[in-house]
Amino acid sequence: MQIREELAKYCNKVYQSGFVAAYDGNLSARISENRILITPSAKSKGEIEPQDFLEIDLNGNLVNGIGKISTENKIHLLVYKRRKEINSVIHAHPTFATIIASSQVEVNQPILPEVLLTIGKIAKCEYATPSTEELPKTMLPFIDFANAFLLSNHGAVTISTSIKDAFYKMEKLEHFAKILFHLELLNKKTLISEQKIQELYAIAESTYNIKINENNRF
C-alpha cells in the first residue's frame, strides 16, 4: 500500500475510534531521511484523503502540497530528529488517556502485562500551550526511550516504526487508561508482583526484542 493511502486509512481509523473530534489531532509518516508527510490544519481526520497530506522537511518547511501545515508539527519534527528508527507519529485526544494525562494519577502502574510488553514506560509530560515551542520541550526528558506520551490537559502521542503500529499503540494506551480510570474509582487495584514483572521483561527481550533498561522499566 502506498504511504499516502496507508496514512489516510489510519487518519480515518483514528477518527472512527473516537480518538479525535472535529479537526483535532495530527498524523505523520517519514518518507525519506529528511522528509515527512503530515496532515494539514483544519481538516477532519475522518475526511482526509491521500492527496491532502503535505510534504515538509525536518525544519518544518513546506516542500510539496497545498494547505496549512498542522500547527503541532513541532512534536513530529522533534521525534523524527531524535529517533531515527521512528517512521510515524500520531497525536490525538483519546478520552481516557486525556483524563489520566490531566490528573494526578500515576500512569506507570504494573496492571496490564500487554502494556509492559508492547508500550513500556509511558511518559507523562507537563502542560505547555499547544502549537508553541514549549510543547515539544515537555517531551524532551523522555524522547530517547518512550513510545507513548501523555500531554497534560491536552492528549496523547504515540510513535513507532510504522503508522499501523503507532495506531495500535494509541489504541492500547486508551484501553489501558480506561481500565486505570475505573480501577482508581474502585480504589482496589491488584498490581503485578515484582517477580512476575521480571518474567515479563524476560519475555519482552527474548520474544519482542525489546531492550529493558532503567528508562523503560516500571
N, C-alpha and C. Protein backbone atom coordinates (compact mmCIF):
# COMPACT_ATOMS: atom_id res chain seq x y z
N MET A 1 0.84 -1.20 0.00
CA MET A 1 0.00 0.00 0.00
C MET A 1 0.88 1.26 0.00
N GLN A 2 0.54 2.22 -0.83
CA GLN A 2 1.29 3.46 -0.88
C GLN A 2 1.16 4.19 0.46
N ILE A 3 2.22 4.92 0.83
CA ILE A 3 2.26 5.54 2.14
C ILE A 3 1.13 6.56 2.33
N ARG A 4 0.78 7.31 1.29
CA ARG A 4 -0.31 8.28 1.41
C ARG A 4 -1.65 7.58 1.70
N GLU A 5 -1.87 6.47 1.03
CA GLU A 5 -3.12 5.72 1.23
C GLU A 5 -3.16 5.11 2.62
N GLU A 6 -2.02 4.58 3.06
CA GLU A 6 -1.98 3.98 4.39
C GLU A 6 -2.17 5.04 5.47
N LEU A 7 -1.53 6.19 5.30
CA LEU A 7 -1.67 7.26 6.28
C LEU A 7 -3.12 7.76 6.34
N ALA A 8 -3.76 7.88 5.18
CA ALA A 8 -5.16 8.30 5.13
C ALA A 8 -6.05 7.27 5.83
N LYS A 9 -5.75 6.00 5.62
CA LYS A 9 -6.51 4.92 6.25
C LYS A 9 -6.49 5.07 7.77
N TYR A 10 -5.31 5.34 8.33
CA TYR A 10 -5.21 5.42 9.79
C TYR A 10 -5.69 6.76 10.34
N CYS A 11 -5.68 7.81 9.53
CA CYS A 11 -6.35 9.04 9.93
C CYS A 11 -7.84 8.75 10.13
N ASN A 12 -8.44 8.05 9.17
CA ASN A 12 -9.85 7.71 9.26
C ASN A 12 -10.12 6.82 10.47
N LYS A 13 -9.23 5.86 10.75
CA LYS A 13 -9.41 4.96 11.89
C LYS A 13 -9.30 5.72 13.22
N VAL A 14 -8.39 6.68 13.29
CA VAL A 14 -8.26 7.50 14.50
C VAL A 14 -9.57 8.24 14.76
N TYR A 15 -10.16 8.78 13.71
CA TYR A 15 -11.43 9.50 13.86
C TYR A 15 -12.57 8.54 14.21
N GLN A 16 -12.65 7.43 13.50
CA GLN A 16 -13.72 6.46 13.74
C GLN A 16 -13.63 5.84 15.13
N SER A 17 -12.44 5.77 15.68
CA SER A 17 -12.25 5.20 17.02
C SER A 17 -12.59 6.20 18.11
N GLY A 18 -12.87 7.43 17.74
CA GLY A 18 -13.20 8.45 18.73
C GLY A 18 -11.99 9.02 19.43
N PHE A 19 -10.82 8.88 18.83
CA PHE A 19 -9.59 9.39 19.45
C PHE A 19 -9.42 10.89 19.20
N VAL A 20 -10.20 11.44 18.26
CA VAL A 20 -10.18 12.87 17.98
C VAL A 20 -11.61 13.33 17.71
N ALA A 21 -11.83 14.64 17.82
CA ALA A 21 -13.12 15.24 17.48
C ALA A 21 -12.88 16.42 16.54
N ALA A 22 -13.87 16.67 15.71
CA ALA A 22 -13.80 17.81 14.79
C ALA A 22 -12.49 17.79 13.99
N TYR A 23 -11.69 18.88 14.08
CA TYR A 23 -10.45 18.98 13.31
C TYR A 23 -9.23 18.55 14.11
N ASP A 24 -9.44 18.04 15.32
CA ASP A 24 -8.33 17.75 16.24
C ASP A 24 -7.38 16.69 15.70
N GLY A 25 -6.17 16.69 16.30
CA GLY A 25 -5.19 15.64 16.05
C GLY A 25 -4.37 15.85 14.80
N ASN A 26 -3.28 15.11 14.71
CA ASN A 26 -2.42 15.17 13.53
C ASN A 26 -1.61 13.89 13.45
N LEU A 27 -1.37 13.44 12.22
CA LEU A 27 -0.61 12.22 11.97
C LEU A 27 0.46 12.51 10.93
N SER A 28 1.54 11.75 10.99
CA SER A 28 2.61 11.93 10.01
C SER A 28 3.33 10.61 9.77
N ALA A 29 4.08 10.58 8.67
CA ALA A 29 4.89 9.42 8.33
C ALA A 29 6.16 9.90 7.63
N ARG A 30 7.26 9.25 7.94
CA ARG A 30 8.53 9.58 7.30
C ARG A 30 8.56 8.95 5.91
N ILE A 31 8.96 9.72 4.91
CA ILE A 31 9.06 9.19 3.55
C ILE A 31 10.50 9.15 3.05
N SER A 32 11.40 9.83 3.75
CA SER A 32 12.83 9.76 3.47
C SER A 32 13.55 10.24 4.71
N GLU A 33 14.85 10.26 4.67
CA GLU A 33 15.61 10.63 5.87
C GLU A 33 15.23 12.01 6.39
N ASN A 34 14.95 12.94 5.47
CA ASN A 34 14.71 14.32 5.88
C ASN A 34 13.35 14.88 5.45
N ARG A 35 12.43 14.00 5.04
CA ARG A 35 11.12 14.46 4.61
C ARG A 35 10.02 13.63 5.27
N ILE A 36 8.90 14.30 5.57
CA ILE A 36 7.75 13.59 6.13
C ILE A 36 6.48 14.07 5.45
N LEU A 37 5.43 13.25 5.54
CA LEU A 37 4.08 13.65 5.17
C LEU A 37 3.33 13.93 6.45
N ILE A 38 2.55 15.01 6.49
CA ILE A 38 1.83 15.37 7.70
C ILE A 38 0.45 15.90 7.33
N THR A 39 -0.51 15.73 8.22
CA THR A 39 -1.86 16.22 7.98
C THR A 39 -1.90 17.74 7.97
N PRO A 40 -2.77 18.32 7.17
CA PRO A 40 -2.94 19.78 7.17
C PRO A 40 -3.83 20.23 8.32
N SER A 41 -3.80 21.51 8.60
CA SER A 41 -4.69 22.08 9.61
C SER A 41 -6.12 22.14 9.08
N ALA A 42 -7.07 22.20 10.02
CA ALA A 42 -8.49 22.43 9.70
C ALA A 42 -9.07 21.42 8.72
N LYS A 43 -8.70 20.14 8.94
CA LYS A 43 -9.24 19.06 8.12
C LYS A 43 -9.56 17.90 9.05
N SER A 44 -10.82 17.49 9.06
CA SER A 44 -11.19 16.36 9.91
C SER A 44 -10.45 15.11 9.49
N LYS A 45 -9.95 14.37 10.47
CA LYS A 45 -9.22 13.14 10.15
C LYS A 45 -10.15 12.08 9.56
N GLY A 46 -11.45 12.26 9.75
CA GLY A 46 -12.40 11.35 9.15
C GLY A 46 -12.64 11.62 7.67
N GLU A 47 -12.15 12.77 7.19
CA GLU A 47 -12.35 13.16 5.79
C GLU A 47 -11.05 13.24 4.99
N ILE A 48 -9.94 12.93 5.64
CA ILE A 48 -8.64 13.02 4.98
C ILE A 48 -8.55 12.03 3.82
N GLU A 49 -7.99 12.50 2.71
CA GLU A 49 -7.73 11.67 1.55
C GLU A 49 -6.25 11.71 1.22
N PRO A 50 -5.75 10.72 0.47
CA PRO A 50 -4.29 10.63 0.22
C PRO A 50 -3.65 11.91 -0.31
N GLN A 51 -4.36 12.65 -1.14
CA GLN A 51 -3.77 13.84 -1.74
C GLN A 51 -3.71 15.03 -0.78
N ASP A 52 -4.33 14.91 0.39
CA ASP A 52 -4.39 16.03 1.33
C ASP A 52 -3.10 16.25 2.11
N PHE A 53 -2.26 15.24 2.22
CA PHE A 53 -1.08 15.35 3.06
C PHE A 53 -0.07 16.34 2.48
N LEU A 54 0.63 17.02 3.37
CA LEU A 54 1.65 17.97 2.99
C LEU A 54 3.03 17.36 3.21
N GLU A 55 3.92 17.57 2.28
CA GLU A 55 5.30 17.10 2.44
C GLU A 55 6.13 18.25 2.99
N ILE A 56 6.79 18.00 4.11
CA ILE A 56 7.65 19.03 4.71
C ILE A 56 9.01 18.44 5.03
N ASP A 57 10.01 19.32 5.20
CA ASP A 57 11.33 18.85 5.62
C ASP A 57 11.42 18.91 7.14
N LEU A 58 12.56 18.48 7.68
CA LEU A 58 12.69 18.40 9.14
C LEU A 58 12.92 19.75 9.80
N ASN A 59 12.91 20.83 9.00
CA ASN A 59 12.92 22.17 9.55
C ASN A 59 11.53 22.79 9.53
N GLY A 60 10.54 22.00 9.07
CA GLY A 60 9.17 22.46 9.05
C GLY A 60 8.79 23.25 7.82
N ASN A 61 9.64 23.22 6.78
CA ASN A 61 9.35 23.96 5.55
C ASN A 61 8.48 23.12 4.61
N LEU A 62 7.50 23.75 4.00
CA LEU A 62 6.63 23.08 3.04
C LEU A 62 7.41 22.78 1.76
N VAL A 63 7.42 21.53 1.36
CA VAL A 63 8.11 21.10 0.15
C VAL A 63 7.12 20.84 -0.98
N ASN A 64 6.00 20.25 -0.62
CA ASN A 64 5.02 19.90 -1.64
C ASN A 64 3.63 19.83 -1.03
N GLY A 65 2.62 20.32 -1.76
CA GLY A 65 1.25 20.26 -1.29
C GLY A 65 0.65 21.63 -1.12
N ILE A 66 -0.66 21.67 -0.95
CA ILE A 66 -1.39 22.92 -0.80
C ILE A 66 -2.17 22.87 0.52
N GLY A 67 -1.95 23.86 1.34
CA GLY A 67 -2.64 23.91 2.62
C GLY A 67 -1.72 24.41 3.72
N LYS A 68 -2.28 24.54 4.91
CA LYS A 68 -1.52 25.00 6.07
C LYS A 68 -1.03 23.80 6.86
N ILE A 69 0.26 23.78 7.15
CA ILE A 69 0.85 22.68 7.91
C ILE A 69 0.25 22.64 9.31
N SER A 70 0.00 21.44 9.81
CA SER A 70 -0.51 21.30 11.18
C SER A 70 0.34 22.11 12.14
N THR A 71 -0.32 22.85 13.02
CA THR A 71 0.41 23.69 13.98
C THR A 71 1.20 22.87 14.99
N GLU A 72 0.88 21.57 15.11
CA GLU A 72 1.59 20.70 16.04
C GLU A 72 2.75 19.98 15.37
N ASN A 73 3.19 20.47 14.22
CA ASN A 73 4.29 19.81 13.51
C ASN A 73 5.57 19.75 14.34
N LYS A 74 5.70 20.64 15.33
CA LYS A 74 6.91 20.67 16.16
C LYS A 74 7.08 19.38 16.95
N ILE A 75 5.96 18.78 17.39
CA ILE A 75 6.01 17.49 18.08
C ILE A 75 6.60 16.44 17.16
N HIS A 76 6.11 16.38 15.95
CA HIS A 76 6.53 15.37 14.98
C HIS A 76 8.00 15.55 14.62
N LEU A 77 8.40 16.80 14.38
CA LEU A 77 9.78 17.06 13.97
C LEU A 77 10.77 16.68 15.08
N LEU A 78 10.41 16.94 16.32
CA LEU A 78 11.28 16.54 17.43
C LEU A 78 11.51 15.04 17.42
N VAL A 79 10.44 14.29 17.26
CA VAL A 79 10.55 12.82 17.26
C VAL A 79 11.43 12.34 16.12
N TYR A 80 11.19 12.83 14.91
CA TYR A 80 11.96 12.36 13.75
C TYR A 80 13.43 12.74 13.83
N LYS A 81 13.72 13.88 14.43
CA LYS A 81 15.12 14.30 14.56
C LYS A 81 15.86 13.47 15.61
N ARG A 82 15.17 13.12 16.69
CA ARG A 82 15.82 12.43 17.80
C ARG A 82 15.78 10.91 17.71
N ARG A 83 14.79 10.39 16.98
CA ARG A 83 14.61 8.94 16.90
C ARG A 83 14.64 8.50 15.44
N LYS A 84 15.81 8.15 14.96
CA LYS A 84 15.99 7.81 13.54
C LYS A 84 15.21 6.56 13.13
N GLU A 85 14.89 5.70 14.10
CA GLU A 85 14.18 4.46 13.78
C GLU A 85 12.67 4.68 13.66
N ILE A 86 12.19 5.83 14.08
CA ILE A 86 10.76 6.11 14.08
C ILE A 86 10.31 6.61 12.70
N ASN A 87 9.22 6.01 12.21
CA ASN A 87 8.70 6.38 10.89
C ASN A 87 7.28 6.93 10.93
N SER A 88 6.69 6.99 12.11
CA SER A 88 5.32 7.52 12.18
C SER A 88 5.01 8.08 13.57
N VAL A 89 4.20 9.14 13.58
CA VAL A 89 3.79 9.81 14.82
C VAL A 89 2.29 10.09 14.75
N ILE A 90 1.59 9.79 15.85
CA ILE A 90 0.18 10.12 15.96
C ILE A 90 -0.03 10.98 17.21
N HIS A 91 -0.67 12.11 17.04
CA HIS A 91 -1.10 12.94 18.17
C HIS A 91 -2.61 13.00 18.15
N ALA A 92 -3.24 12.57 19.24
CA ALA A 92 -4.70 12.53 19.32
C ALA A 92 -5.16 12.92 20.71
N HIS A 93 -6.49 12.94 20.90
CA HIS A 93 -7.08 13.32 22.18
C HIS A 93 -8.04 12.24 22.68
N PRO A 94 -7.59 10.99 22.80
CA PRO A 94 -8.49 9.93 23.28
C PRO A 94 -8.98 10.26 24.70
N THR A 95 -10.24 9.98 24.95
CA THR A 95 -10.90 10.46 26.17
C THR A 95 -10.20 10.03 27.46
N PHE A 96 -10.02 8.75 27.66
CA PHE A 96 -9.49 8.28 28.95
C PHE A 96 -8.00 8.58 29.10
N ALA A 97 -7.26 8.50 28.01
CA ALA A 97 -5.84 8.86 28.07
C ALA A 97 -5.70 10.34 28.44
N THR A 98 -6.58 11.18 27.91
CA THR A 98 -6.53 12.60 28.22
C THR A 98 -6.94 12.86 29.66
N ILE A 99 -7.90 12.08 30.16
CA ILE A 99 -8.29 12.20 31.58
C ILE A 99 -7.09 11.88 32.47
N ILE A 100 -6.42 10.78 32.21
CA ILE A 100 -5.27 10.39 33.03
C ILE A 100 -4.14 11.42 32.87
N ALA A 101 -3.95 11.92 31.66
CA ALA A 101 -2.91 12.92 31.41
C ALA A 101 -3.18 14.20 32.21
N SER A 102 -4.44 14.48 32.46
CA SER A 102 -4.84 15.72 33.13
C SER A 102 -5.10 15.53 34.62
N SER A 103 -4.72 14.39 35.14
CA SER A 103 -4.95 14.07 36.54
C SER A 103 -3.63 13.89 37.28
N GLN A 104 -3.74 13.60 38.58
CA GLN A 104 -2.56 13.30 39.39
C GLN A 104 -2.33 11.80 39.51
N VAL A 105 -3.05 11.01 38.72
CA VAL A 105 -2.92 9.55 38.78
C VAL A 105 -1.59 9.12 38.19
N GLU A 106 -0.88 8.25 38.88
CA GLU A 106 0.36 7.67 38.37
C GLU A 106 0.01 6.68 37.26
N VAL A 107 0.54 6.91 36.08
CA VAL A 107 0.18 6.06 34.95
C VAL A 107 1.01 4.78 34.87
N ASN A 108 2.26 4.85 35.32
CA ASN A 108 3.14 3.68 35.20
C ASN A 108 2.96 2.73 36.38
N GLN A 109 1.81 2.05 36.35
CA GLN A 109 1.50 1.05 37.35
C GLN A 109 1.42 -0.32 36.66
N PRO A 110 2.06 -1.33 37.23
CA PRO A 110 2.07 -2.66 36.58
C PRO A 110 0.74 -3.37 36.71
N ILE A 111 -0.15 -3.06 35.79
CA ILE A 111 -1.51 -3.62 35.82
C ILE A 111 -1.74 -4.57 34.66
N LEU A 112 -1.43 -4.14 33.46
CA LEU A 112 -1.64 -4.97 32.27
C LEU A 112 -0.31 -5.47 31.71
N PRO A 113 -0.12 -6.79 31.62
CA PRO A 113 1.12 -7.32 31.04
C PRO A 113 1.39 -6.79 29.64
N GLU A 114 0.33 -6.63 28.85
CA GLU A 114 0.49 -6.19 27.46
C GLU A 114 1.10 -4.80 27.36
N VAL A 115 0.82 -3.95 28.34
CA VAL A 115 1.39 -2.60 28.33
C VAL A 115 2.88 -2.66 28.59
N LEU A 116 3.28 -3.47 29.55
CA LEU A 116 4.70 -3.62 29.85
C LEU A 116 5.45 -4.18 28.65
N LEU A 117 4.79 -5.10 27.93
CA LEU A 117 5.46 -5.79 26.82
C LEU A 117 5.53 -4.96 25.54
N THR A 118 4.49 -4.20 25.25
CA THR A 118 4.44 -3.57 23.93
C THR A 118 4.55 -2.05 23.92
N ILE A 119 4.30 -1.40 25.05
CA ILE A 119 4.46 0.05 25.12
C ILE A 119 5.64 0.44 25.99
N GLY A 120 5.77 -0.24 27.13
CA GLY A 120 6.83 0.13 28.05
C GLY A 120 6.42 1.32 28.90
N LYS A 121 7.39 2.01 29.46
CA LYS A 121 7.11 3.12 30.35
C LYS A 121 6.47 4.27 29.59
N ILE A 122 5.38 4.78 30.13
CA ILE A 122 4.61 5.86 29.49
C ILE A 122 5.07 7.20 30.05
N ALA A 123 5.41 8.12 29.16
CA ALA A 123 5.86 9.44 29.59
C ALA A 123 4.66 10.31 29.95
N LYS A 124 4.72 10.98 31.09
CA LYS A 124 3.68 11.91 31.48
C LYS A 124 4.31 13.31 31.50
N CYS A 125 3.93 14.11 30.53
CA CYS A 125 4.59 15.40 30.29
C CYS A 125 3.82 16.54 30.95
N GLU A 126 4.55 17.56 31.34
CA GLU A 126 3.94 18.74 31.94
C GLU A 126 3.15 19.52 30.89
N TYR A 127 2.26 20.36 31.38
CA TYR A 127 1.44 21.14 30.45
C TYR A 127 2.28 22.22 29.75
N ALA A 128 1.98 22.41 28.47
CA ALA A 128 2.51 23.53 27.69
C ALA A 128 1.45 23.91 26.67
N THR A 129 1.44 25.17 26.28
CA THR A 129 0.44 25.65 25.34
C THR A 129 0.60 24.97 23.98
N PRO A 130 -0.47 24.39 23.45
CA PRO A 130 -0.39 23.75 22.13
C PRO A 130 0.11 24.71 21.06
N SER A 131 0.83 24.16 20.10
CA SER A 131 1.35 24.89 18.93
C SER A 131 2.58 25.74 19.22
N THR A 132 3.00 25.80 20.50
CA THR A 132 4.17 26.60 20.83
C THR A 132 5.43 25.74 20.86
N GLU A 133 6.57 26.41 20.93
CA GLU A 133 7.85 25.71 21.03
C GLU A 133 7.99 25.00 22.38
N GLU A 134 7.20 25.42 23.37
CA GLU A 134 7.29 24.83 24.70
C GLU A 134 6.75 23.41 24.75
N LEU A 135 5.79 23.11 23.89
CA LEU A 135 5.15 21.79 23.95
C LEU A 135 6.14 20.65 23.68
N PRO A 136 6.88 20.64 22.58
CA PRO A 136 7.84 19.55 22.38
C PRO A 136 8.92 19.49 23.45
N LYS A 137 9.21 20.63 24.09
CA LYS A 137 10.22 20.64 25.16
C LYS A 137 9.79 19.78 26.34
N THR A 138 8.46 19.68 26.56
CA THR A 138 7.99 18.85 27.67
C THR A 138 8.23 17.36 27.41
N MET A 139 8.45 17.00 26.15
CA MET A 139 8.70 15.61 25.79
C MET A 139 10.18 15.24 25.87
N LEU A 140 11.03 16.24 25.94
CA LEU A 140 12.48 16.01 25.86
C LEU A 140 13.03 15.05 26.91
N PRO A 141 12.56 15.10 28.18
CA PRO A 141 13.12 14.18 29.17
C PRO A 141 12.87 12.70 28.85
N PHE A 142 11.91 12.44 27.97
CA PHE A 142 11.51 11.06 27.68
C PHE A 142 11.74 10.63 26.24
N ILE A 143 12.16 11.57 25.39
CA ILE A 143 12.14 11.35 23.95
C ILE A 143 13.03 10.21 23.50
N ASP A 144 14.08 9.92 24.22
CA ASP A 144 15.03 8.90 23.77
C ASP A 144 14.59 7.47 24.06
N PHE A 145 13.52 7.30 24.86
CA PHE A 145 13.12 5.93 25.19
C PHE A 145 11.62 5.67 25.12
N ALA A 146 10.78 6.69 25.31
CA ALA A 146 9.34 6.46 25.38
C ALA A 146 8.73 6.28 24.00
N ASN A 147 7.67 5.46 23.93
CA ASN A 147 6.91 5.27 22.71
C ASN A 147 5.48 5.78 22.84
N ALA A 148 5.12 6.21 24.06
CA ALA A 148 3.80 6.79 24.31
C ALA A 148 3.96 7.94 25.30
N PHE A 149 3.31 9.05 24.98
CA PHE A 149 3.43 10.26 25.79
C PHE A 149 2.03 10.76 26.14
N LEU A 150 1.81 11.08 27.41
CA LEU A 150 0.59 11.75 27.83
C LEU A 150 0.92 13.22 28.00
N LEU A 151 0.19 14.08 27.31
CA LEU A 151 0.41 15.53 27.37
C LEU A 151 -0.63 16.12 28.31
N SER A 152 -0.17 16.69 29.41
CA SER A 152 -1.08 17.18 30.43
C SER A 152 -2.11 18.15 29.86
N ASN A 153 -3.38 17.91 30.20
CA ASN A 153 -4.51 18.75 29.77
C ASN A 153 -4.59 18.90 28.25
N HIS A 154 -4.12 17.89 27.54
CA HIS A 154 -4.04 18.05 26.09
C HIS A 154 -4.38 16.77 25.33
N GLY A 155 -3.67 15.68 25.58
CA GLY A 155 -3.93 14.47 24.81
C GLY A 155 -2.79 13.48 24.90
N ALA A 156 -2.51 12.81 23.80
CA ALA A 156 -1.50 11.76 23.81
C ALA A 156 -0.77 11.72 22.47
N VAL A 157 0.44 11.16 22.53
CA VAL A 157 1.26 10.94 21.33
C VAL A 157 1.79 9.53 21.38
N THR A 158 1.70 8.82 20.27
CA THR A 158 2.36 7.52 20.15
C THR A 158 3.23 7.53 18.91
N ILE A 159 4.35 6.80 18.99
CA ILE A 159 5.30 6.77 17.89
C ILE A 159 5.73 5.33 17.63
N SER A 160 6.10 5.05 16.39
CA SER A 160 6.54 3.70 16.07
C SER A 160 7.25 3.67 14.73
N THR A 161 7.67 2.48 14.35
CA THR A 161 8.34 2.28 13.07
C THR A 161 7.35 2.27 11.92
N SER A 162 6.05 2.14 12.22
CA SER A 162 5.02 2.14 11.17
C SER A 162 3.78 2.86 11.67
N ILE A 163 2.98 3.38 10.74
CA ILE A 163 1.75 4.05 11.11
C ILE A 163 0.77 3.07 11.73
N LYS A 164 0.77 1.84 11.25
CA LYS A 164 -0.11 0.81 11.79
C LYS A 164 0.19 0.57 13.26
N ASP A 165 1.46 0.39 13.61
CA ASP A 165 1.81 0.11 14.99
C ASP A 165 1.61 1.34 15.88
N ALA A 166 1.85 2.53 15.34
CA ALA A 166 1.60 3.75 16.12
C ALA A 166 0.12 3.84 16.48
N PHE A 167 -0.75 3.46 15.53
CA PHE A 167 -2.19 3.45 15.81
C PHE A 167 -2.53 2.44 16.89
N TYR A 168 -1.98 1.23 16.78
CA TYR A 168 -2.30 0.21 17.78
C TYR A 168 -1.74 0.57 19.15
N LYS A 169 -0.63 1.29 19.19
CA LYS A 169 -0.13 1.78 20.48
C LYS A 169 -1.09 2.80 21.07
N MET A 170 -1.65 3.65 20.23
CA MET A 170 -2.64 4.62 20.72
C MET A 170 -3.88 3.89 21.23
N GLU A 171 -4.31 2.88 20.50
CA GLU A 171 -5.48 2.11 20.90
C GLU A 171 -5.23 1.41 22.24
N LYS A 172 -4.07 0.82 22.39
CA LYS A 172 -3.74 0.12 23.64
C LYS A 172 -3.59 1.11 24.79
N LEU A 173 -3.00 2.27 24.52
CA LEU A 173 -2.86 3.31 25.54
C LEU A 173 -4.23 3.74 26.05
N GLU A 174 -5.18 3.95 25.15
CA GLU A 174 -6.53 4.36 25.54
C GLU A 174 -7.23 3.24 26.31
N HIS A 175 -7.05 2.00 25.87
CA HIS A 175 -7.64 0.85 26.56
C HIS A 175 -7.12 0.76 27.99
N PHE A 176 -5.81 0.92 28.16
CA PHE A 176 -5.20 0.87 29.48
C PHE A 176 -5.68 2.03 30.36
N ALA A 177 -5.76 3.22 29.76
CA ALA A 177 -6.20 4.40 30.52
C ALA A 177 -7.63 4.22 31.02
N LYS A 178 -8.47 3.60 30.21
CA LYS A 178 -9.85 3.35 30.61
C LYS A 178 -9.91 2.39 31.79
N ILE A 179 -9.11 1.33 31.74
CA ILE A 179 -9.05 0.37 32.84
C ILE A 179 -8.51 1.04 34.10
N LEU A 180 -7.43 1.81 33.94
CA LEU A 180 -6.82 2.50 35.07
C LEU A 180 -7.81 3.48 35.71
N PHE A 181 -8.56 4.20 34.88
CA PHE A 181 -9.57 5.15 35.38
C PHE A 181 -10.58 4.45 36.29
N HIS A 182 -11.08 3.32 35.85
CA HIS A 182 -12.08 2.61 36.64
C HIS A 182 -11.48 1.95 37.87
N LEU A 183 -10.26 1.49 37.78
CA LEU A 183 -9.59 0.93 38.96
C LEU A 183 -9.37 1.99 40.02
N GLU A 184 -9.06 3.21 39.59
CA GLU A 184 -8.89 4.30 40.55
C GLU A 184 -10.21 4.60 41.26
N LEU A 185 -11.32 4.48 40.54
CA LEU A 185 -12.63 4.69 41.16
C LEU A 185 -12.92 3.60 42.19
N LEU A 186 -12.55 2.36 41.86
CA LEU A 186 -12.77 1.25 42.78
C LEU A 186 -11.84 1.33 43.98
N ASN A 187 -10.65 1.91 43.75
CA ASN A 187 -9.63 2.03 44.80
C ASN A 187 -9.22 0.67 45.36
N LYS A 188 -9.22 -0.35 44.50
CA LYS A 188 -8.82 -1.69 44.93
C LYS A 188 -8.03 -2.37 43.80
N LYS A 189 -6.89 -1.78 43.48
CA LYS A 189 -6.07 -2.32 42.40
C LYS A 189 -5.28 -3.55 42.86
N THR A 190 -5.07 -4.47 41.93
CA THR A 190 -4.15 -5.58 42.14
C THR A 190 -3.00 -5.39 41.15
N LEU A 191 -1.82 -5.17 41.67
CA LEU A 191 -0.66 -4.92 40.83
C LEU A 191 0.12 -6.21 40.59
N ILE A 192 0.77 -6.29 39.45
CA ILE A 192 1.63 -7.44 39.13
C ILE A 192 2.86 -7.39 40.04
N SER A 193 3.22 -8.51 40.62
CA SER A 193 4.34 -8.54 41.56
C SER A 193 5.66 -8.30 40.84
N GLU A 194 6.66 -7.92 41.59
CA GLU A 194 7.99 -7.66 41.03
C GLU A 194 8.56 -8.90 40.35
N GLN A 195 8.36 -10.05 40.95
CA GLN A 195 8.84 -11.30 40.35
C GLN A 195 8.21 -11.53 38.98
N LYS A 196 6.90 -11.31 38.89
CA LYS A 196 6.19 -11.52 37.62
C LYS A 196 6.57 -10.44 36.60
N ILE A 197 6.86 -9.25 37.09
CA ILE A 197 7.33 -8.19 36.18
C ILE A 197 8.64 -8.61 35.53
N GLN A 198 9.53 -9.19 36.33
CA GLN A 198 10.82 -9.64 35.78
C GLN A 198 10.61 -10.73 34.73
N GLU A 199 9.63 -11.59 34.95
CA GLU A 199 9.31 -12.62 33.95
C GLU A 199 8.84 -11.97 32.65
N LEU A 200 8.03 -10.92 32.78
CA LEU A 200 7.55 -10.21 31.60
C LEU A 200 8.70 -9.55 30.85
N TYR A 201 9.63 -8.97 31.60
CA TYR A 201 10.78 -8.32 30.95
C TYR A 201 11.61 -9.35 30.19
N ALA A 202 11.73 -10.53 30.73
CA ALA A 202 12.47 -11.59 30.04
C ALA A 202 11.78 -11.95 28.73
N ILE A 203 10.44 -12.00 28.75
CA ILE A 203 9.68 -12.27 27.54
C ILE A 203 9.84 -11.13 26.55
N ALA A 204 9.82 -9.90 27.05
CA ALA A 204 9.96 -8.72 26.18
C ALA A 204 11.27 -8.77 25.41
N GLU A 205 12.34 -9.16 26.11
CA GLU A 205 13.65 -9.18 25.48
C GLU A 205 13.83 -10.37 24.55
N SER A 206 13.30 -11.53 24.93
CA SER A 206 13.51 -12.73 24.13
C SER A 206 12.53 -12.87 22.96
N THR A 207 11.30 -12.43 23.18
CA THR A 207 10.26 -12.62 22.16
C THR A 207 10.00 -11.37 21.33
N TYR A 208 9.97 -10.21 21.99
CA TYR A 208 9.64 -8.97 21.30
C TYR A 208 10.87 -8.14 20.95
N ASN A 209 12.05 -8.61 21.35
CA ASN A 209 13.31 -7.92 21.07
C ASN A 209 13.30 -6.49 21.62
N ILE A 210 12.68 -6.33 22.80
CA ILE A 210 12.64 -5.03 23.47
C ILE A 210 13.74 -5.01 24.53
N LYS A 211 14.63 -4.05 24.42
CA LYS A 211 15.72 -3.93 25.39
C LYS A 211 15.20 -3.22 26.63
N ILE A 212 15.26 -3.91 27.78
CA ILE A 212 14.78 -3.34 29.04
C ILE A 212 15.94 -2.69 29.78
N ASN A 213 15.75 -1.42 30.15
CA ASN A 213 16.77 -0.72 30.94
C ASN A 213 16.07 0.19 31.95
N GLU A 214 16.84 1.00 32.66
CA GLU A 214 16.27 1.83 33.72
C GLU A 214 15.28 2.86 33.18
N ASN A 215 15.37 3.21 31.91
CA ASN A 215 14.48 4.22 31.35
C ASN A 215 13.07 3.71 31.10
N ASN A 216 12.94 2.44 30.61
CA ASN A 216 11.61 1.95 30.29
C ASN A 216 11.09 0.92 31.29
N ARG A 217 11.77 0.80 32.42
CA ARG A 217 11.34 -0.16 33.45
C ARG A 217 10.28 0.47 34.35
N PHE A 218 9.21 -0.27 34.63
CA PHE A 218 8.16 0.20 35.53
C PHE A 218 8.68 0.20 36.97
